[in-house]
Amino acid sequence: MDTLDANELDGNAAAGLLASVFVLDATRARIVCAACGHDAALAEQRAFALELGAVLRCPNCADITVRIASTRHGVFIDMRGAQVVHFV
């Protein structure tokens, strides 16, 4: 998956939402995909559904690596698709 289609953005699109949770620049974090082992920066992930939050997908295999949603009850992050998240 080298190119984005017309309906998707890269992981930078989720930066504002992630900044509300992480003090560090989350887009620089390295994510190792649990499905395929691909190592890529969060900024390289594919982001979808930004109105309600974000679903980030591995740029190599398209499996979901991170889900994040902001509600009136707080911010929820599901990183079970990431084998490792390394903040640099």
PDB file of N, CA and C in Angstrom:
ATOM      1  N   MET A   1       0.849  -1.185   0.000  1.00  0.00           N
ATOM      2  CA  MET A   1       0.000   0.000   0.000  1.00  0.00           C
ATOM      3  C   MET A   1       0.890   1.242   0.000  1.00  0.00           C
ATOM      4  N   ASP A   2       1.360   1.639  -1.127  1.00  0.00           N
ATOM      5  CA  ASP A   2       2.253   2.791  -1.214  1.00  0.00           C
ATOM      6  C   ASP A   2       1.529   4.112  -1.387  1.00  0.00           C
ATOM      7  N   THR A   3       0.338   4.102  -1.938  1.00  0.00           N
ATOM      8  CA  THR A   3      -0.361   5.350  -2.201  1.00  0.00           C
ATOM      9  C   THR A   3      -1.677   5.403  -1.446  1.00  0.00           C
ATOM     10  N   LEU A   4      -2.109   6.607  -1.135  1.00  0.00           N
ATOM     11  CA  LEU A   4      -3.393   6.829  -0.475  1.00  0.00           C
ATOM     12  C   LEU A   4      -4.473   6.926  -1.519  1.00  0.00           C
ATOM     13  N   ASP A   5      -5.663   6.393  -1.204  1.00  0.00           N
ATOM     14  CA  ASP A   5      -6.761   6.616  -2.135  1.00  0.00           C
ATOM     15  C   ASP A   5      -7.441   7.939  -1.799  1.00  0.00           C
ATOM     16  N   ALA A   6      -8.420   8.328  -2.570  1.00  0.00           N
ATOM     17  CA  ALA A   6      -9.027   9.659  -2.435  1.00  0.00           C
ATOM     18  C   ALA A   6      -9.707   9.887  -1.090  1.00  0.00           C
ATOM     19  N   ASN A   7     -10.087   8.826  -0.363  1.00  0.00           N
ATOM     20  CA  ASN A   7     -10.836   8.972   0.878  1.00  0.00           C
ATOM     21  C   ASN A   7     -10.005   8.835   2.139  1.00  0.00           C
ATOM     22  N   GLU A   8      -8.692   8.708   2.016  1.00  0.00           N
ATOM     23  CA  GLU A   8      -7.886   8.535   3.213  1.00  0.00           C
ATOM     24  C   GLU A   8      -6.793   9.580   3.321  1.00  0.00           C
ATOM     25  N   LEU A   9      -6.371   9.793   4.560  1.00  0.00           N
ATOM     26  CA  LEU A   9      -5.313  10.745   4.882  1.00  0.00           C
ATOM     27  C   LEU A   9      -4.187   9.979   5.545  1.00  0.00           C
ATOM     28  N   ASP A  10      -3.071  10.623   5.802  1.00  0.00           N
ATOM     29  CA  ASP A  10      -2.032   9.942   6.552  1.00  0.00           C
ATOM     30  C   ASP A  10      -2.226  10.210   8.043  1.00  0.00           C
ATOM     31  N   GLY A  11      -1.403   9.587   8.866  1.00  0.00           N
ATOM     32  CA  GLY A  11      -1.538   9.677  10.317  1.00  0.00           C
ATOM     33  C   GLY A  11      -1.407  11.069  10.891  1.00  0.00           C
ATOM     34  N   ASN A  12      -0.824  12.005  10.137  1.00  0.00           N
ATOM     35  CA  ASN A  12      -0.722  13.390  10.609  1.00  0.00           C
ATOM     36  C   ASN A  12      -2.098  13.998  10.867  1.00  0.00           C
ATOM     37  N   ALA A  13      -3.128  13.509  10.200  1.00  0.00           N
ATOM     38  CA  ALA A  13      -4.481  14.040  10.363  1.00  0.00           C
ATOM     39  C   ALA A  13      -5.018  13.816  11.776  1.00  0.00           C
ATOM     40  N   ALA A  14      -4.478  12.853  12.499  1.00  0.00           N
ATOM     41  CA  ALA A  14      -4.925  12.573  13.865  1.00  0.00           C
ATOM     42  C   ALA A  14      -4.067  13.282  14.912  1.00  0.00           C
ATOM     43  N   ALA A  15      -3.113  14.095  14.493  1.00  0.00           N
ATOM     44  CA  ALA A  15      -2.154  14.725  15.409  1.00  0.00           C
ATOM     45  C   ALA A  15      -2.827  15.576  16.478  1.00  0.00           C
ATOM     46  N   GLY A  16      -3.803  16.377  16.127  1.00  0.00           N
ATOM     47  CA  GLY A  16      -4.470  17.236  17.100  1.00  0.00           C
ATOM     48  C   GLY A  16      -5.164  16.438  18.180  1.00  0.00           C
ATOM     49  N   LEU A  17      -5.885  15.415  17.784  1.00  0.00           N
ATOM     50  CA  LEU A  17      -6.584  14.563  18.738  1.00  0.00           C
ATOM     51  C   LEU A  17      -5.584  13.838  19.641  1.00  0.00           C
ATOM     52  N   LEU A  18      -4.519  13.320  19.067  1.00  0.00           N
ATOM     53  CA  LEU A  18      -3.511  12.626  19.849  1.00  0.00           C
ATOM     54  C   LEU A  18      -2.761  13.579  20.774  1.00  0.00           C
ATOM     55  N   ALA A  19      -2.578  14.831  20.361  1.00  0.00           N
ATOM     56  CA  ALA A  19      -1.878  15.816  21.189  1.00  0.00           C
ATOM     57  C   ALA A  19      -2.642  16.105  22.470  1.00  0.00           C
ATOM     58  N   SER A  20      -3.959  15.891  22.465  1.00  0.00           N
ATOM     59  CA  SER A  20      -4.747  16.110  23.672  1.00  0.00           C
ATOM     60  C   SER A  20      -4.482  15.036  24.722  1.00  0.00           C
ATOM     61  N   VAL A  21      -3.864  13.936  24.321  1.00  0.00           N
ATOM     62  CA  VAL A  21      -3.570  12.838  25.231  1.00  0.00           C
ATOM     63  C   VAL A  21      -2.078  12.740  25.523  1.00  0.00           C
ATOM     64  N   PHE A  22      -1.272  12.844  24.489  1.00  0.00           N
ATOM     65  CA  PHE A  22       0.171  12.662  24.627  1.00  0.00           C
ATOM     66  C   PHE A  22       0.876  14.010  24.639  1.00  0.00           C
ATOM     67  N   VAL A  23       1.765  14.204  25.595  1.00  0.00           N
ATOM     68  CA  VAL A  23       2.534  15.437  25.670  1.00  0.00           C
ATOM     69  C   VAL A  23       3.580  15.464  24.564  1.00  0.00           C
ATOM     70  N   LEU A  24       4.150  14.318  24.259  1.00  0.00           N
ATOM     71  CA  LEU A  24       5.139  14.204  23.195  1.00  0.00           C
ATOM     72  C   LEU A  24       4.465  14.328  21.833  1.00  0.00           C
ATOM     73  N   ASP A  25       5.249  14.571  20.805  1.00  0.00           N
ATOM     74  CA  ASP A  25       4.720  14.584  19.445  1.00  0.00           C
ATOM     75  C   ASP A  25       4.429  13.142  19.038  1.00  0.00           C
ATOM     76  N   ALA A  26       3.177  12.741  19.142  1.00  0.00           N
ATOM     77  CA  ALA A  26       2.786  11.354  18.894  1.00  0.00           C
ATOM     78  C   ALA A  26       3.048  10.916  17.457  1.00  0.00           C
ATOM     79  N   THR A  27       3.079  11.832  16.522  1.00  0.00           N
ATOM     80  CA  THR A  27       3.290  11.445  15.127  1.00  0.00           C
ATOM     81  C   THR A  27       4.693  10.889  14.900  1.00  0.00           C
ATOM     82  N   ARG A  28       5.620  11.164  15.815  1.00  0.00           N
ATOM     83  CA  ARG A  28       6.983  10.635  15.704  1.00  0.00           C
ATOM     84  C   ARG A  28       7.119   9.246  16.303  1.00  0.00           C
ATOM     85  N   ALA A  29       6.119   8.790  17.062  1.00  0.00           N
ATOM     86  CA  ALA A  29       6.175   7.462  17.681  1.00  0.00           C
ATOM     87  C   ALA A  29       6.279   6.387  16.606  1.00  0.00           C
ATOM     88  N   ARG A  30       7.038   5.344  16.897  1.00  0.00           N
ATOM     89  CA  ARG A  30       7.185   4.210  15.988  1.00  0.00           C
ATOM     90  C   ARG A  30       6.191   3.142  16.401  1.00  0.00           C
ATOM     91  N   ILE A  31       5.457   2.620  15.434  1.00  0.00           N
ATOM     92  CA  ILE A  31       4.477   1.573  15.696  1.00  0.00           C
ATOM     93  C   ILE A  31       4.898   0.325  14.934  1.00  0.00           C
ATOM     94  N   VAL A  32       4.968  -0.804  15.655  1.00  0.00           N
ATOM     95  CA  VAL A  32       5.213  -2.090  15.017  1.00  0.00           C
ATOM     96  C   VAL A  32       3.861  -2.787  14.922  1.00  0.00           C
ATOM     97  N   CYS A  33       3.415  -3.048  13.712  1.00  0.00           N
ATOM     98  CA  CYS A  33       2.114  -3.675  13.470  1.00  0.00           C
ATOM     99  C   CYS A  33       2.091  -5.089  14.042  1.00  0.00           C
ATOM    100  N   ALA A  34       1.059  -5.408  14.818  1.00  0.00           N
ATOM    101  CA  ALA A  34       0.922  -6.741  15.403  1.00  0.00           C
ATOM    102  C   ALA A  34       0.636  -7.794  14.338  1.00  0.00           C
ATOM    103  N   ALA A  35       0.041  -7.402  13.221  1.00  0.00           N
ATOM    104  CA  ALA A  35      -0.323  -8.364  12.185  1.00  0.00           C
ATOM    105  C   ALA A  35       0.850  -8.744  11.290  1.00  0.00           C
ATOM    106  N   CYS A  36       1.628  -7.750  10.850  1.00  0.00           N
ATOM    107  CA  CYS A  36       2.680  -8.045   9.860  1.00  0.00           C
ATOM    108  C   CYS A  36       4.089  -7.701  10.319  1.00  0.00           C
ATOM    109  N   GLY A  37       4.223  -7.015  11.476  1.00  0.00           N
ATOM    110  CA  GLY A  37       5.537  -6.673  11.988  1.00  0.00           C
ATOM    111  C   GLY A  37       6.179  -5.454  11.350  1.00  0.00           C
ATOM    112  N   HIS A  38       5.444  -4.774  10.463  1.00  0.00           N
ATOM    113  CA  HIS A  38       5.983  -3.576   9.800  1.00  0.00           C
ATOM    114  C   HIS A  38       6.185  -2.471  10.828  1.00  0.00           C
ATOM    115  N   ASP A  39       7.354  -1.833  10.776  1.00  0.00           N
ATOM    116  CA  ASP A  39       7.719  -0.753  11.692  1.00  0.00           C
ATOM    117  C   ASP A  39       7.614   0.564  10.932  1.00  0.00           C
ATOM    118  N   ALA A  40       6.748   1.469  11.397  1.00  0.00           N
ATOM    119  CA  ALA A  40       6.561   2.760  10.728  1.00  0.00           C
ATOM    120  C   ALA A  40       6.174   3.812  11.757  1.00  0.00           C
ATOM    121  N   ALA A  41       6.461   5.060  11.448  1.00  0.00           N
ATOM    122  CA  ALA A  41       6.050   6.164  12.313  1.00  0.00           C
ATOM    123  C   ALA A  41       4.531   6.278  12.319  1.00  0.00           C
ATOM    124  N   LEU A  42       3.991   6.781  13.416  1.00  0.00           N
ATOM    125  CA  LEU A  42       2.549   7.000  13.474  1.00  0.00           C
ATOM    126  C   LEU A  42       2.093   7.893  12.315  1.00  0.00           C
ATOM    127  N   ALA A  43       2.914   8.861  11.948  1.00  0.00           N
ATOM    128  CA  ALA A  43       2.570   9.768  10.850  1.00  0.00           C
ATOM    129  C   ALA A  43       2.417   9.037   9.522  1.00  0.00           C
ATOM    130  N   GLU A  44       2.985   7.842   9.397  1.00  0.00           N
ATOM    131  CA  GLU A  44       2.891   7.074   8.167  1.00  0.00           C
ATOM    132  C   GLU A  44       1.669   6.159   8.135  1.00  0.00           C
ATOM    133  N   GLN A  45       0.980   6.012   9.269  1.00  0.00           N
ATOM    134  CA  GLN A  45      -0.221   5.179   9.314  1.00  0.00           C
ATOM    135  C   GLN A  45      -1.310   5.829   8.460  1.00  0.00           C
ATOM    136  N   ARG A  46      -2.293   5.062   8.040  1.00  0.00           N
ATOM    137  CA  ARG A  46      -3.421   5.591   7.276  1.00  0.00           C
ATOM    138  C   ARG A  46      -4.557   5.886   8.257  1.00  0.00           C
ATOM    139  N   ALA A  47      -5.110   7.098   8.224  1.00  0.00           N
ATOM    140  CA  ALA A  47      -6.143   7.522   9.177  1.00  0.00           C
ATOM    141  C   ALA A  47      -7.502   7.596   8.499  1.00  0.00           C
ATOM    142  N   PHE A  48      -8.543   7.109   9.195  1.00  0.00           N
ATOM    143  CA  PHE A  48      -9.911   7.106   8.689  1.00  0.00           C
ATOM    144  C   PHE A  48     -10.874   7.626   9.755  1.00  0.00           C
ATOM    145  N   ALA A  49     -12.052   8.103   9.357  1.00  0.00           N
ATOM    146  CA  ALA A  49     -13.178   8.463  10.236  1.00  0.00           C
ATOM    147  C   ALA A  49     -12.818   9.523  11.259  1.00  0.00           C
ATOM    148  N   LEU A  50     -12.267  10.627  10.828  1.00  0.00           N
ATOM    149  CA  LEU A  50     -11.806  11.660  11.743  1.00  0.00           C
ATOM    150  C   LEU A  50     -12.921  12.450  12.416  1.00  0.00           C
ATOM    151  N   GLU A  51     -14.154  12.360  11.943  1.00  0.00           N
ATOM    152  CA  GLU A  51     -15.254  13.100  12.582  1.00  0.00           C
ATOM    153  C   GLU A  51     -15.503  12.606  14.004  1.00  0.00           C
ATOM    154  N   LEU A  52     -15.431  11.302  14.223  1.00  0.00           N
ATOM    155  CA  LEU A  52     -15.716  10.725  15.539  1.00  0.00           C
ATOM    156  C   LEU A  52     -14.451  10.352  16.296  1.00  0.00           C
ATOM    157  N   GLY A  53     -13.345  10.436  15.664  1.00  0.00           N
ATOM    158  CA  GLY A  53     -12.073  10.004  16.217  1.00  0.00           C
ATOM    159  C   GLY A  53     -11.214   9.565  15.053  1.00  0.00           C
ATOM    160  N   ALA A  54     -10.382   8.564  15.277  1.00  0.00           N
ATOM    161  CA  ALA A  54      -9.527   8.091  14.193  1.00  0.00           C
ATOM    162  C   ALA A  54      -9.290   6.597  14.321  1.00  0.00           C
ATOM    163  N   VAL A  55      -9.236   5.958  13.181  1.00  0.00           N
ATOM    164  CA  VAL A  55      -8.800   4.576  13.069  1.00  0.00           C
ATOM    165  C   VAL A  55      -7.542   4.625  12.222  1.00  0.00           C
ATOM    166  N   LEU A  56      -6.431   4.158  12.772  1.00  0.00           N
ATOM    167  CA  LEU A  56      -5.172   4.168  12.050  1.00  0.00           C
ATOM    168  C   LEU A  56      -4.865   2.759  11.568  1.00  0.00           C
ATOM    169  N   ARG A  57      -4.445   2.663  10.307  1.00  0.00           N
ATOM    170  CA  ARG A  57      -4.145   1.368   9.703  1.00  0.00           C
ATOM    171  C   ARG A  57      -2.687   1.312   9.265  1.00  0.00           C
ATOM    172  N   CYS A  58      -2.125   0.139   9.352  1.00  0.00           N
ATOM    173  CA  CYS A  58      -0.752  -0.105   8.940  1.00  0.00           C
ATOM    174  C   CYS A  58      -0.593   0.247   7.459  1.00  0.00           C
ATOM    175  N   PRO A  59       0.446   0.999   7.105  1.00  0.00           N
ATOM    176  CA  PRO A  59       0.642   1.348   5.695  1.00  0.00           C
ATOM    177  C   PRO A  59       1.100   0.164   4.853  1.00  0.00           C
ATOM    178  N   ASN A  60       1.492  -0.934   5.503  1.00  0.00           N
ATOM    179  CA  ASN A  60       1.960  -2.112   4.773  1.00  0.00           C
ATOM    180  C   ASN A  60       0.839  -3.114   4.512  1.00  0.00           C
ATOM    181  N   CYS A  61       0.098  -3.508   5.567  1.00  0.00           N
ATOM    182  CA  CYS A  61      -0.917  -4.561   5.410  1.00  0.00           C
ATOM    183  C   CYS A  61      -2.352  -4.069   5.583  1.00  0.00           C
ATOM    184  N   ALA A  62      -2.531  -2.827   6.013  1.00  0.00           N
ATOM    185  CA  ALA A  62      -3.845  -2.194   6.210  1.00  0.00           C
ATOM    186  C   ALA A  62      -4.613  -2.708   7.422  1.00  0.00           C
ATOM    187  N   ASP A  63      -3.999  -3.535   8.284  1.00  0.00           N
ATOM    188  CA  ASP A  63      -4.666  -3.911   9.528  1.00  0.00           C
ATOM    189  C   ASP A  63      -4.732  -2.703  10.454  1.00  0.00           C
ATOM    190  N   ILE A  64      -5.720  -2.673  11.328  1.00  0.00           N
ATOM    191  CA  ILE A  64      -5.875  -1.570  12.277  1.00  0.00           C
ATOM    192  C   ILE A  64      -4.787  -1.664  13.341  1.00  0.00           C
ATOM    193  N   THR A  65      -4.069  -0.563  13.553  1.00  0.00           N
ATOM    194  CA  THR A  65      -3.036  -0.513  14.590  1.00  0.00           C
ATOM    195  C   THR A  65      -3.510   0.263  15.814  1.00  0.00           C
ATOM    196  N   VAL A  66      -4.241   1.361  15.607  1.00  0.00           N
ATOM    197  CA  VAL A  66      -4.685   2.221  16.710  1.00  0.00           C
ATOM    198  C   VAL A  66      -6.094   2.726  16.429  1.00  0.00           C
ATOM    199  N   ARG A  67      -6.914   2.746  17.477  1.00  0.00           N
ATOM    200  CA  ARG A  67      -8.228   3.393  17.421  1.00  0.00           C
ATOM    201  C   ARG A  67      -8.220   4.461  18.512  1.00  0.00           C
ATOM    202  N   ILE A  68      -8.726   5.644  18.195  1.00  0.00           N
ATOM    203  CA  ILE A  68      -8.798   6.710  19.204  1.00  0.00           C
ATOM    204  C   ILE A  68     -10.107   7.464  19.019  1.00  0.00           C
ATOM    205  N   ALA A  69     -10.795   7.719  20.117  1.00  0.00           N
ATOM    206  CA  ALA A  69     -12.059   8.448  20.067  1.00  0.00           C
ATOM    207  C   ALA A  69     -12.120   9.420  21.236  1.00  0.00           C
ATOM    208  N   SER A  70     -12.667  10.588  20.982  1.00  0.00           N
ATOM    209  CA  SER A  70     -12.855  11.586  22.026  1.00  0.00           C
ATOM    210  C   SER A  70     -14.349  11.767  22.241  1.00  0.00           C
ATOM    211  N   THR A  71     -14.794  11.520  23.472  1.00  0.00           N
ATOM    212  CA  THR A  71     -16.203  11.661  23.807  1.00  0.00           C
ATOM    213  C   THR A  71     -16.329  12.576  25.021  1.00  0.00           C
ATOM    214  N   ARG A  72     -17.537  12.843  25.440  1.00  0.00           N
ATOM    215  CA  ARG A  72     -17.744  13.672  26.627  1.00  0.00           C
ATOM    216  C   ARG A  72     -17.254  12.962  27.893  1.00  0.00           C
ATOM    217  N   HIS A  73     -17.008  11.662  27.783  1.00  0.00           N
ATOM    218  CA  HIS A  73     -16.520  10.884  28.923  1.00  0.00           C
ATOM    219  C   HIS A  73     -14.998  10.772  28.952  1.00  0.00           C
ATOM    220  N   GLY A  74     -14.337  11.296  27.947  1.00  0.00           N
ATOM    221  CA  GLY A  74     -12.877  11.231  27.903  1.00  0.00           C
ATOM    222  C   GLY A  74     -12.369  10.752  26.557  1.00  0.00           C
ATOM    223  N   VAL A  75     -11.081  10.493  26.505  1.00  0.00           N
ATOM    224  CA  VAL A  75     -10.437  10.009  25.283  1.00  0.00           C
ATOM    225  C   VAL A  75     -10.126   8.529  25.476  1.00  0.00           C
ATOM    226  N   PHE A  76     -10.502   7.737  24.488  1.00  0.00           N
ATOM    227  CA  PHE A  76     -10.304   6.293  24.536  1.00  0.00           C
ATOM    228  C   PHE A  76      -9.323   5.886  23.442  1.00  0.00           C
ATOM    229  N   ILE A  77      -8.308   5.105  23.825  1.00  0.00           N
ATOM    230  CA  ILE A  77      -7.304   4.651  22.869  1.00  0.00           C
ATOM    231  C   ILE A  77      -7.198   3.135  22.950  1.00  0.00           C
ATOM    232  N   ASP A  78      -7.303   2.498  21.805  1.00  0.00           N
ATOM    233  CA  ASP A  78      -7.146   1.050  21.688  1.00  0.00           C
ATOM    234  C   ASP A  78      -5.936   0.818  20.789  1.00  0.00           C
ATOM    235  N   MET A  79      -4.865   0.285  21.361  1.00  0.00           N
ATOM    236  CA  MET A  79      -3.635   0.051  20.603  1.00  0.00           C
ATOM    237  C   MET A  79      -3.338  -1.440  20.442  1.00  0.00           C
ATOM    238  N   ARG A  80      -4.361  -2.290  20.533  1.00  0.00           N
ATOM    239  CA  ARG A  80      -4.087  -3.728  20.488  1.00  0.00           C
ATOM    240  C   ARG A  80      -3.563  -4.191  19.128  1.00  0.00           C
ATOM    241  N   GLY A  81      -3.733  -3.381  18.077  1.00  0.00           N
ATOM    242  CA  GLY A  81      -3.176  -3.728  16.780  1.00  0.00           C
ATOM    243  C   GLY A  81      -1.713  -3.363  16.635  1.00  0.00           C
ATOM    244  N   ALA A  82      -1.176  -2.721  17.654  1.00  0.00           N
ATOM    245  CA  ALA A  82       0.242  -2.354  17.665  1.00  0.00           C
ATOM    246  C   ALA A  82       0.985  -3.309  18.577  1.00  0.00           C
ATOM    247  N   GLN A  83       1.969  -3.985  18.043  1.00  0.00           N
ATOM    248  CA  GLN A  83       2.777  -4.884  18.852  1.00  0.00           C
ATOM    249  C   GLN A  83       3.640  -4.066  19.815  1.00  0.00           C
ATOM    250  N   VAL A  84       4.153  -2.934  19.327  1.00  0.00           N
ATOM    251  CA  VAL A  84       4.986  -2.032  20.111  1.00  0.00           C
ATOM    252  C   VAL A  84       4.690  -0.608  19.681  1.00  0.00           C
ATOM    253  N   VAL A  85       4.629   0.316  20.636  1.00  0.00           N
ATOM    254  CA  VAL A  85       4.583   1.747  20.339  1.00  0.00           C
ATOM    255  C   VAL A  85       5.795   2.360  21.043  1.00  0.00           C
ATOM    256  N   HIS A  86       6.695   2.923  20.273  1.00  0.00           N
ATOM    257  CA  HIS A  86       7.949   3.456  20.812  1.00  0.00           C
ATOM    258  C   HIS A  86       7.987   4.963  20.590  1.00  0.00           C
ATOM    259  N   PHE A  87       7.949   5.735  21.667  1.00  0.00           N
ATOM    260  CA  PHE A  87       8.009   7.182  21.563  1.00  0.00           C
ATOM    261  C   PHE A  87       9.470   7.605  21.538  1.00  0.00           C
ATOM    262  N   VAL A  88       9.831   8.357  20.503  1.00  0.00           N
ATOM    263  CA  VAL A  88      11.225   8.804  20.331  1.00  0.00           C
ATOM    264  C   VAL A  88      11.343  10.287  20.539  1.00  0.00           C
TER     265      VAL A  88
END
